[in-house]
PDB file of all heavy atoms in Angstrom:
ATOM      1  N   THR A   1     -13.212 -11.030   7.389  1.00  0.00           N
ATOM      2  CA  THR A   1     -13.948 -10.569   6.184  1.00  0.00           C
ATOM      3  C   THR A   1     -14.292 -11.687   5.269  1.00  0.00           C
ATOM      4  O   THR A   1     -15.204 -11.587   4.458  1.00  0.00           O
ATOM      5  CB  THR A   1     -13.107  -9.511   5.425  1.00  0.00           C
ATOM      6  OG1 THR A   1     -11.910 -10.125   4.990  1.00  0.00           O
ATOM      7  CG2 THR A   1     -12.823  -8.327   6.277  1.00  0.00           C
ATOM      8  N   GLU A   2     -13.632 -12.816   5.402  1.00  0.00           N
ATOM      9  CA  GLU A   2     -13.919 -13.969   4.553  1.00  0.00           C
ATOM     10  C   GLU A   2     -15.064 -14.822   5.101  1.00  0.00           C
ATOM     11  O   GLU A   2     -15.557 -15.728   4.433  1.00  0.00           O
ATOM     12  CB  GLU A   2     -12.661 -14.794   4.376  1.00  0.00           C
ATOM     13  CG  GLU A   2     -11.538 -14.030   3.658  1.00  0.00           C
ATOM     14  CD  GLU A   2     -10.266 -14.786   3.685  1.00  0.00           C
ATOM     15  OE1 GLU A   2     -10.223 -15.942   4.210  1.00  0.00           O
ATOM     16  OE2 GLU A   2      -9.210 -14.272   3.185  1.00  0.00           O
ATOM     17  N   VAL A   3     -15.468 -14.546   6.372  1.00  0.00           N
ATOM     18  CA  VAL A   3     -16.571 -15.330   6.934  1.00  0.00           C
ATOM     19  C   VAL A   3     -17.882 -14.854   6.334  1.00  0.00           C
ATOM     20  O   VAL A   3     -18.177 -13.661   6.278  1.00  0.00           O
ATOM     21  CB  VAL A   3     -16.580 -15.135   8.480  1.00  0.00           C
ATOM     22  CG1 VAL A   3     -17.748 -15.897   9.090  1.00  0.00           C
ATOM     23  CG2 VAL A   3     -15.278 -15.589   9.058  1.00  0.00           C
ATOM     24  N   PRO A   4     -18.721 -15.778   5.835  1.00  0.00           N
ATOM     25  CA  PRO A   4     -19.940 -15.422   5.077  1.00  0.00           C
ATOM     26  C   PRO A   4     -20.932 -14.541   5.832  1.00  0.00           C
ATOM     27  O   PRO A   4     -21.641 -13.796   5.188  1.00  0.00           O
ATOM     28  CB  PRO A   4     -20.536 -16.761   4.708  1.00  0.00           C
ATOM     29  CG  PRO A   4     -19.391 -17.725   4.754  1.00  0.00           C
ATOM     30  CD  PRO A   4     -18.494 -17.226   5.840  1.00  0.00           C
ATOM     31  N   ASN A   5     -20.982 -14.661   7.171  1.00  0.00           N
ATOM     32  CA  ASN A   5     -22.029 -13.920   7.848  1.00  0.00           C
ATOM     33  C   ASN A   5     -21.732 -12.450   8.073  1.00  0.00           C
ATOM     34  O   ASN A   5     -22.526 -11.712   8.650  1.00  0.00           O
ATOM     35  CB  ASN A   5     -22.352 -14.594   9.215  1.00  0.00           C
ATOM     36  CG  ASN A   5     -21.162 -14.557  10.159  1.00  0.00           C
ATOM     37  OD1 ASN A   5     -20.116 -14.037   9.809  1.00  0.00           O
ATOM     38  ND2 ASN A   5     -21.322 -15.194  11.324  1.00  0.00           N
ATOM     39  N   ILE A   6     -20.526 -11.945   7.618  1.00  0.00           N
ATOM     40  CA  ILE A   6     -20.255 -10.516   7.709  1.00  0.00           C
ATOM     41  C   ILE A   6     -20.892  -9.836   6.489  1.00  0.00           C
ATOM     42  O   ILE A   6     -20.615 -10.236   5.339  1.00  0.00           O
ATOM     43  CB  ILE A   6     -18.754 -10.227   7.777  1.00  0.00           C
ATOM     44  CG1 ILE A   6     -18.235 -10.709   9.121  1.00  0.00           C
ATOM     45  CG2 ILE A   6     -18.453  -8.756   7.575  1.00  0.00           C
ATOM     46  CD1 ILE A   6     -16.772 -10.438   9.346  1.00  0.00           C
ATOM     47  N   PRO A   7     -21.713  -8.863   6.694  1.00  0.00           N
ATOM     48  CA  PRO A   7     -22.404  -8.240   5.551  1.00  0.00           C
ATOM     49  C   PRO A   7     -21.445  -7.486   4.671  1.00  0.00           C
ATOM     50  O   PRO A   7     -20.437  -6.970   5.094  1.00  0.00           O
ATOM     51  CB  PRO A   7     -23.412  -7.300   6.208  1.00  0.00           C
ATOM     52  CG  PRO A   7     -22.814  -6.988   7.529  1.00  0.00           C
ATOM     53  CD  PRO A   7     -22.101  -8.225   7.970  1.00  0.00           C
ATOM     54  N   VAL A   8     -21.786  -7.412   3.411  1.00  0.00           N
ATOM     55  CA  VAL A   8     -21.000  -6.642   2.411  1.00  0.00           C
ATOM     56  C   VAL A   8     -21.677  -5.276   2.244  1.00  0.00           C
ATOM     57  O   VAL A   8     -22.881  -5.189   2.040  1.00  0.00           O
ATOM     58  CB  VAL A   8     -20.914  -7.366   1.094  1.00  0.00           C
ATOM     59  CG1 VAL A   8     -20.197  -6.540   0.059  1.00  0.00           C
ATOM     60  CG2 VAL A   8     -20.207  -8.703   1.279  1.00  0.00           C
ATOM     61  N   GLY A   9     -20.922  -4.248   2.370  1.00  0.00           N
ATOM     62  CA  GLY A   9     -21.506  -2.935   2.377  1.00  0.00           C
ATOM     63  C   GLY A   9     -21.906  -2.440   1.016  1.00  0.00           C
ATOM     64  O   GLY A   9     -22.525  -1.394   0.863  1.00  0.00           O
ATOM     65  N   GLY A  10     -21.518  -3.108  -0.036  1.00  0.00           N
ATOM     66  CA  GLY A  10     -21.927  -2.698  -1.365  1.00  0.00           C
ATOM     67  C   GLY A  10     -20.752  -2.275  -2.226  1.00  0.00           C
ATOM     68  O   GLY A  10     -19.617  -2.183  -1.747  1.00  0.00           O
ATOM     69  N   GLU A  11     -21.011  -1.957  -3.443  1.00  0.00           N
ATOM     70  CA  GLU A  11     -20.003  -1.593  -4.405  1.00  0.00           C
ATOM     71  C   GLU A  11     -20.225  -0.165  -4.887  1.00  0.00           C
ATOM     72  O   GLU A  11     -21.361   0.207  -5.224  1.00  0.00           O
ATOM     73  CB  GLU A  11     -20.045  -2.527  -5.577  1.00  0.00           C
ATOM     74  CG  GLU A  11     -18.974  -2.277  -6.631  1.00  0.00           C
ATOM     75  CD  GLU A  11     -18.963  -3.301  -7.732  1.00  0.00           C
ATOM     76  OE1 GLU A  11     -19.058  -4.497  -7.397  1.00  0.00           O
ATOM     77  OE2 GLU A  11     -18.889  -2.902  -8.919  1.00  0.00           O
ATOM     78  N   LEU A  12     -19.187   0.666  -4.850  1.00  0.00           N
ATOM     79  CA  LEU A  12     -19.266   2.030  -5.326  1.00  0.00           C
ATOM     80  C   LEU A  12     -18.537   2.147  -6.638  1.00  0.00           C
ATOM     81  O   LEU A  12     -17.393   1.716  -6.767  1.00  0.00           O
ATOM     82  CB  LEU A  12     -18.679   3.012  -4.302  1.00  0.00           C
ATOM     83  CG  LEU A  12     -19.548   3.332  -3.093  1.00  0.00           C
ATOM     84  CD1 LEU A  12     -19.416   2.227  -2.046  1.00  0.00           C
ATOM     85  CD2 LEU A  12     -19.132   4.664  -2.461  1.00  0.00           C
ATOM     86  N   THR A  13     -19.205   2.776  -7.607  1.00  0.00           N
ATOM     87  CA  THR A  13     -18.599   2.888  -8.932  1.00  0.00           C
ATOM     88  C   THR A  13     -18.587   4.324  -9.403  1.00  0.00           C
ATOM     89  O   THR A  13     -17.932   4.616 -10.442  1.00  0.00           O
ATOM     90  CB  THR A  13     -19.360   2.046  -9.962  1.00  0.00           C
ATOM     91  OG1 THR A  13     -20.737   2.446  -9.967  1.00  0.00           O
ATOM     92  CG2 THR A  13     -19.273   0.562  -9.571  1.00  0.00           C
ATOM     93  N   GLY A  14     -19.294   5.233  -8.743  1.00  0.00           N
ATOM     94  CA  GLY A  14     -19.367   6.622  -9.216  1.00  0.00           C
ATOM     95  C   GLY A  14     -18.824   7.582  -8.166  1.00  0.00           C
ATOM     96  O   GLY A  14     -18.404   7.217  -7.069  1.00  0.00           O
ATOM     97  N   ASP A  15     -18.815   8.851  -8.531  1.00  0.00           N
ATOM     98  CA  ASP A  15     -18.352   9.888  -7.618  1.00  0.00           C
ATOM     99  C   ASP A  15     -19.267  10.034  -6.424  1.00  0.00           C
ATOM    100  O   ASP A  15     -20.438   9.683  -6.441  1.00  0.00           O
ATOM    101  CB  ASP A  15     -18.247  11.239  -8.365  1.00  0.00           C
ATOM    102  CG  ASP A  15     -17.164  11.233  -9.421  1.00  0.00           C
ATOM    103  OD1 ASP A  15     -16.364  10.268  -9.468  1.00  0.00           O
ATOM    104  OD2 ASP A  15     -17.098  12.190 -10.224  1.00  0.00           O
ATOM    105  N   ILE A  16     -18.690  10.589  -5.324  1.00  0.00           N
ATOM    106  CA  ILE A  16     -19.427  10.763  -4.085  1.00  0.00           C
ATOM    107  C   ILE A  16     -19.589  12.270  -3.833  1.00  0.00           C
ATOM    108  O   ILE A  16     -18.590  12.997  -3.769  1.00  0.00           O
ATOM    109  CB  ILE A  16     -18.681  10.107  -2.889  1.00  0.00           C
ATOM    110  CG1 ILE A  16     -18.538   8.611  -3.157  1.00  0.00           C
ATOM    111  CG2 ILE A  16     -19.437  10.341  -1.609  1.00  0.00           C
ATOM    112  CD1 ILE A  16     -17.696   7.893  -2.182  1.00  0.00           C
ATOM    113  N   SER A  17     -20.798  12.739  -3.659  1.00  0.00           N
ATOM    114  CA  SER A  17     -21.067  14.144  -3.461  1.00  0.00           C
ATOM    115  C   SER A  17     -21.919  14.392  -2.220  1.00  0.00           C
ATOM    116  O   SER A  17     -22.493  15.467  -2.063  1.00  0.00           O
ATOM    117  CB  SER A  17     -21.696  14.759  -4.691  1.00  0.00           C
ATOM    118  OG  SER A  17     -22.897  14.093  -5.033  1.00  0.00           O
ATOM    119  N   GLU A  18     -22.026  13.411  -1.354  1.00  0.00           N
ATOM    120  CA  GLU A  18     -22.749  13.575  -0.088  1.00  0.00           C
ATOM    121  C   GLU A  18     -21.981  12.861   1.020  1.00  0.00           C
ATOM    122  O   GLU A  18     -21.248  11.866   0.747  1.00  0.00           O
ATOM    123  CB  GLU A  18     -24.163  13.094  -0.174  1.00  0.00           C
ATOM    124  CG  GLU A  18     -24.320  11.658  -0.523  1.00  0.00           C
ATOM    125  CD  GLU A  18     -25.760  11.213  -0.663  1.00  0.00           C
ATOM    126  OE1 GLU A  18     -26.626  12.091  -0.933  1.00  0.00           O
ATOM    127  OE2 GLU A  18     -26.031  10.022  -0.514  1.00  0.00           O
ATOM    128  N   ASP A  19     -22.126  13.283   2.256  1.00  0.00           N
ATOM    129  CA  ASP A  19     -21.431  12.660   3.360  1.00  0.00           C
ATOM    130  C   ASP A  19     -21.745  11.205   3.462  1.00  0.00           C
ATOM    131  O   ASP A  19     -22.920  10.784   3.294  1.00  0.00           O
ATOM    132  CB  ASP A  19     -21.781  13.346   4.669  1.00  0.00           C
ATOM    133  CG  ASP A  19     -21.292  14.812   4.712  1.00  0.00           C
ATOM    134  OD1 ASP A  19     -20.604  15.216   3.751  1.00  0.00           O
ATOM    135  OD2 ASP A  19     -21.601  15.501   5.693  1.00  0.00           O
ATOM    136  N   MET A  20     -20.743  10.389   3.733  1.00  0.00           N
ATOM    137  CA  MET A  20     -20.954   8.927   3.882  1.00  0.00           C
ATOM    138  C   MET A  20     -20.106   8.429   5.049  1.00  0.00           C
ATOM    139  O   MET A  20     -19.031   8.935   5.326  1.00  0.00           O
ATOM    140  CB  MET A  20     -20.562   8.155   2.607  1.00  0.00           C
ATOM    141  CG  MET A  20     -21.418   8.433   1.402  1.00  0.00           C
ATOM    142  SD  MET A  20     -20.987   7.378  -0.005  1.00  0.00           S
ATOM    143  CE  MET A  20     -21.461   5.766   0.623  1.00  0.00           C
ATOM    144  N   THR A  21     -20.633   7.394   5.733  1.00  0.00           N
ATOM    145  CA  THR A  21     -19.935   6.712   6.796  1.00  0.00           C
ATOM    146  C   THR A  21     -19.795   5.250   6.453  1.00  0.00           C
ATOM    147  O   THR A  21     -20.785   4.595   6.090  1.00  0.00           O
ATOM    148  CB  THR A  21     -20.657   6.892   8.138  1.00  0.00           C
ATOM    149  OG1 THR A  21     -20.694   8.304   8.436  1.00  0.00           O
ATOM    150  CG2 THR A  21     -19.915   6.158   9.258  1.00  0.00           C
ATOM    151  N   PHE A  22     -18.567   4.717   6.599  1.00  0.00           N
ATOM    152  CA  PHE A  22     -18.305   3.328   6.335  1.00  0.00           C
ATOM    153  C   PHE A  22     -18.172   2.600   7.638  1.00  0.00           C
ATOM    154  O   PHE A  22     -17.322   2.966   8.449  1.00  0.00           O
ATOM    155  CB  PHE A  22     -17.066   3.172   5.416  1.00  0.00           C
ATOM    156  CG  PHE A  22     -17.279   3.870   4.093  1.00  0.00           C
ATOM    157  CD1 PHE A  22     -17.004   5.233   3.923  1.00  0.00           C
ATOM    158  CD2 PHE A  22     -17.770   3.156   3.019  1.00  0.00           C
ATOM    159  CE1 PHE A  22     -17.192   5.848   2.710  1.00  0.00           C
ATOM    160  CE2 PHE A  22     -17.993   3.795   1.785  1.00  0.00           C
ATOM    161  CZ  PHE A  22     -17.731   5.162   1.643  1.00  0.00           C
ATOM    162  N   LYS A  23     -18.992   1.610   7.867  1.00  0.00           N
ATOM    163  CA  LYS A  23     -19.231   1.035   9.173  1.00  0.00           C
ATOM    164  C   LYS A  23     -18.215  -0.013   9.612  1.00  0.00           C
ATOM    165  O   LYS A  23     -17.580  -0.684   8.797  1.00  0.00           O
ATOM    166  CB  LYS A  23     -20.626   0.400   9.221  1.00  0.00           C
ATOM    167  CG  LYS A  23     -21.759   1.388   8.982  1.00  0.00           C
ATOM    168  CD  LYS A  23     -21.857   2.417  10.091  1.00  0.00           C
ATOM    169  CE  LYS A  23     -23.050   3.334   9.946  1.00  0.00           C
ATOM    170  NZ  LYS A  23     -23.180   4.283  11.050  1.00  0.00           N
ATOM    171  N   THR A  24     -18.065  -0.122  10.903  1.00  0.00           N
ATOM    172  CA  THR A  24     -17.196  -1.112  11.517  1.00  0.00           C
ATOM    173  C   THR A  24     -17.603  -2.520  11.086  1.00  0.00           C
ATOM    174  O   THR A  24     -18.812  -2.873  11.045  1.00  0.00           O
ATOM    175  CB  THR A  24     -17.308  -1.037  13.064  1.00  0.00           C
ATOM    176  OG1 THR A  24     -16.876   0.257  13.471  1.00  0.00           O
ATOM    177  CG2 THR A  24     -16.453  -2.092  13.725  1.00  0.00           C
ATOM    178  N   GLY A  25     -16.600  -3.314  10.697  1.00  0.00           N
ATOM    179  CA  GLY A  25     -16.796  -4.717  10.340  1.00  0.00           C
ATOM    180  C   GLY A  25     -17.429  -4.956   8.999  1.00  0.00           C
ATOM    181  O   GLY A  25     -17.785  -6.122   8.714  1.00  0.00           O
ATOM    182  N   ILE A  26     -17.625  -3.931   8.219  1.00  0.00           N
ATOM    183  CA  ILE A  26     -18.233  -4.111   6.918  1.00  0.00           C
ATOM    184  C   ILE A  26     -17.207  -3.870   5.817  1.00  0.00           C
ATOM    185  O   ILE A  26     -16.385  -2.947   5.870  1.00  0.00           O
ATOM    186  CB  ILE A  26     -19.445  -3.136   6.750  1.00  0.00           C
ATOM    187  CG1 ILE A  26     -20.510  -3.472   7.829  1.00  0.00           C
ATOM    188  CG2 ILE A  26     -20.034  -3.216   5.364  1.00  0.00           C
ATOM    189  CD1 ILE A  26     -21.739  -2.615   7.739  1.00  0.00           C
ATOM    190  N   SER A  27     -17.277  -4.721   4.792  1.00  0.00           N
ATOM    191  CA  SER A  27     -16.365  -4.618   3.682  1.00  0.00           C
ATOM    192  C   SER A  27     -17.052  -3.989   2.466  1.00  0.00           C
ATOM    193  O   SER A  27     -18.181  -4.356   2.137  1.00  0.00           O
ATOM    194  CB  SER A  27     -15.882  -6.036   3.296  1.00  0.00           C
ATOM    195  OG  SER A  27     -15.031  -6.011   2.195  1.00  0.00           O
ATOM    196  N   TYR A  28     -16.363  -3.044   1.848  1.00  0.00           N
ATOM    197  CA  TYR A  28     -16.887  -2.311   0.701  1.00  0.00           C
ATOM    198  C   TYR A  28     -15.989  -2.505  -0.505  1.00  0.00           C
ATOM    199  O   TYR A  28     -14.791  -2.656  -0.360  1.00  0.00           O
ATOM    200  CB  TYR A  28     -17.014  -0.795   1.018  1.00  0.00           C
ATOM    201  CG  TYR A  28     -17.881  -0.509   2.212  1.00  0.00           C
ATOM    202  CD1 TYR A  28     -17.348  -0.571   3.510  1.00  0.00           C
ATOM    203  CD2 TYR A  28     -19.187  -0.104   2.065  1.00  0.00           C
ATOM    204  CE1 TYR A  28     -18.150  -0.287   4.635  1.00  0.00           C
ATOM    205  CE2 TYR A  28     -19.993   0.166   3.171  1.00  0.00           C
ATOM    206  CZ  TYR A  28     -19.469   0.097   4.454  1.00  0.00           C
ATOM    207  OH  TYR A  28     -20.261   0.368   5.554  1.00  0.00           O
ATOM    208  N   ILE A  29     -16.581  -2.428  -1.684  1.00  0.00           N
ATOM    209  CA  ILE A  29     -15.827  -2.506  -2.947  1.00  0.00           C
ATOM    210  C   ILE A  29     -15.892  -1.173  -3.647  1.00  0.00           C
ATOM    211  O   ILE A  29     -16.948  -0.622  -3.880  1.00  0.00           O
ATOM    212  CB  ILE A  29     -16.411  -3.586  -3.879  1.00  0.00           C
ATOM    213  CG1 ILE A  29     -16.387  -4.971  -3.221  1.00  0.00           C
ATOM    214  CG2 ILE A  29     -15.660  -3.611  -5.213  1.00  0.00           C
ATOM    215  CD1 ILE A  29     -14.987  -5.514  -2.981  1.00  0.00           C
ATOM    216  N   PHE A  30     -14.687  -0.639  -3.979  1.00  0.00           N
ATOM    217  CA  PHE A  30     -14.606   0.584  -4.774  1.00  0.00           C
ATOM    218  C   PHE A  30     -14.099   0.165  -6.166  1.00  0.00           C
ATOM    219  O   PHE A  30     -13.020  -0.399  -6.277  1.00  0.00           O
ATOM    220  CB  PHE A  30     -13.649   1.590  -4.169  1.00  0.00           C
ATOM    221  CG  PHE A  30     -14.254   2.393  -3.031  1.00  0.00           C
ATOM    222  CD1 PHE A  30     -15.237   1.888  -2.230  1.00  0.00           C
ATOM    223  CD2 PHE A  30     -13.783   3.675  -2.757  1.00  0.00           C
ATOM    224  CE1 PHE A  30     -15.789   2.606  -1.157  1.00  0.00           C
ATOM    225  CE2 PHE A  30     -14.301   4.432  -1.688  1.00  0.00           C
ATOM    226  CZ  PHE A  30     -15.328   3.884  -0.910  1.00  0.00           C
ATOM    227  N   ASP A  31     -14.856   0.524  -7.191  1.00  0.00           N
ATOM    228  CA  ASP A  31     -14.547   0.109  -8.533  1.00  0.00           C
ATOM    229  C   ASP A  31     -14.388   1.335  -9.430  1.00  0.00           C
ATOM    230  O   ASP A  31     -15.344   2.067  -9.659  1.00  0.00           O
ATOM    231  CB  ASP A  31     -15.667  -0.815  -9.042  1.00  0.00           C
ATOM    232  CG  ASP A  31     -15.365  -1.360 -10.463  1.00  0.00           C
ATOM    233  OD1 ASP A  31     -14.164  -1.287 -10.877  1.00  0.00           O
ATOM    234  OD2 ASP A  31     -16.286  -1.813 -11.107  1.00  0.00           O
ATOM    235  N   GLY A  32     -13.205   1.563  -9.928  1.00  0.00           N
ATOM    236  CA  GLY A  32     -12.956   2.693 -10.824  1.00  0.00           C
ATOM    237  C   GLY A  32     -12.392   3.877 -10.057  1.00  0.00           C
ATOM    238  O   GLY A  32     -11.973   3.807  -8.901  1.00  0.00           O
ATOM    239  N   THR A  33     -12.347   5.020 -10.718  1.00  0.00           N
ATOM    240  CA  THR A  33     -11.876   6.264 -10.126  1.00  0.00           C
ATOM    241  C   THR A  33     -13.043   6.936  -9.361  1.00  0.00           C
ATOM    242  O   THR A  33     -13.961   7.423  -9.984  1.00  0.00           O
ATOM    243  CB  THR A  33     -11.308   7.224 -11.192  1.00  0.00           C
ATOM    244  OG1 THR A  33     -10.213   6.593 -11.824  1.00  0.00           O
ATOM    245  CG2 THR A  33     -10.845   8.519 -10.539  1.00  0.00           C
ATOM    246  N   ILE A  34     -12.968   6.893  -8.051  1.00  0.00           N
ATOM    247  CA  ILE A  34     -14.044   7.432  -7.234  1.00  0.00           C
ATOM    248  C   ILE A  34     -13.611   8.819  -6.751  1.00  0.00           C
ATOM    249  O   ILE A  34     -12.604   8.940  -6.006  1.00  0.00           O
ATOM    250  CB  ILE A  34     -14.381   6.531  -6.051  1.00  0.00           C
ATOM    251  CG1 ILE A  34     -14.594   5.099  -6.490  1.00  0.00           C
ATOM    252  CG2 ILE A  34     -15.538   7.096  -5.260  1.00  0.00           C
ATOM    253  CD1 ILE A  34     -15.773   4.913  -7.413  1.00  0.00           C
ATOM    254  N   ARG A  35     -14.320   9.866  -7.100  1.00  0.00           N
ATOM    255  CA  ARG A  35     -13.941  11.241  -6.704  1.00  0.00           C
ATOM    256  C   ARG A  35     -14.943  11.769  -5.715  1.00  0.00           C
ATOM    257  O   ARG A  35     -16.178  11.708  -5.920  1.00  0.00           O
ATOM    258  CB  ARG A  35     -13.847  12.145  -7.947  1.00  0.00           C
ATOM    259  CG  ARG A  35     -12.608  11.810  -8.753  1.00  0.00           C
ATOM    260  CD  ARG A  35     -12.510  12.572 -10.030  1.00  0.00           C
ATOM    261  NE  ARG A  35     -11.214  12.286 -10.688  1.00  0.00           N
ATOM    262  CZ  ARG A  35     -10.975  12.441 -11.980  1.00  0.00           C
ATOM    263  NH1 ARG A  35     -11.907  12.877 -12.804  1.00  0.00           N
ATOM    264  NH2 ARG A  35      -9.781  12.135 -12.465  1.00  0.00           N
ATOM    265  N   VAL A  36     -14.403  12.327  -4.638  1.00  0.00           N
ATOM    266  CA  VAL A  36     -15.211  12.861  -3.554  1.00  0.00           C
ATOM    267  C   VAL A  36     -15.245  14.389  -3.724  1.00  0.00           C
ATOM    268  O   VAL A  36     -14.211  15.050  -3.715  1.00  0.00           O
ATOM    269  CB  VAL A  36     -14.647  12.480  -2.163  1.00  0.00           C
ATOM    270  CG1 VAL A  36     -15.589  13.010  -1.096  1.00  0.00           C
ATOM    271  CG2 VAL A  36     -14.468  10.986  -2.057  1.00  0.00           C
ATOM    272  N   ARG A  37     -16.449  14.938  -3.837  1.00  0.00           N
ATOM    273  CA  ARG A  37     -16.568  16.368  -4.035  1.00  0.00           C
ATOM    274  C   ARG A  37     -17.601  16.926  -3.083  1.00  0.00           C
ATOM    275  O   ARG A  37     -18.728  16.416  -2.963  1.00  0.00           O
ATOM    276  CB  ARG A  37     -16.938  16.663  -5.517  1.00  0.00           C
ATOM    277  CG  ARG A  37     -18.219  15.973  -5.985  1.00  0.00           C
ATOM    278  CD  ARG A  37     -18.477  16.222  -7.471  1.00  0.00           C
ATOM    279  NE  ARG A  37     -17.458  15.585  -8.282  1.00  0.00           N
ATOM    280  CZ  ARG A  37     -17.364  15.754  -9.601  1.00  0.00           C
ATOM    281  NH1 ARG A  37     -18.190  16.551 -10.239  1.00  0.00           N
ATOM    282  NH2 ARG A  37     -16.431  15.101 -10.268  1.00  0.00           N
ATOM    283  N   ASN A  38     -17.192  17.992  -2.359  1.00  0.00           N
ATOM    284  CA  ASN A  38     -18.143  18.691  -1.436  1.00  0.00           C
ATOM    285  C   ASN A  38     -18.804  17.693  -0.492  1.00  0.00           C
ATOM    286  O   ASN A  38     -20.003  17.770  -0.231  1.00  0.00           O
ATOM    287  CB  ASN A  38     -19.172  19.455  -2.244  1.00  0.00           C
ATOM    288  CG  ASN A  38     -18.549  20.392  -3.261  1.00  0.00           C
ATOM    289  OD1 ASN A  38     -17.512  20.990  -2.997  1.00  0.00           O
ATOM    290  ND2 ASN A  38     -19.141  20.522  -4.443  1.00  0.00           N
TER     291      ASN A  38
END
């Protein structure tokens, strides 16, 4: 994950209300209280 050529999946800061898939080999940042609803 520290190697620069691995893509960063992005940063999530709000609640999640739709289906999501987090991909193999990708690093994501969760910032704050993330609530998953429906």
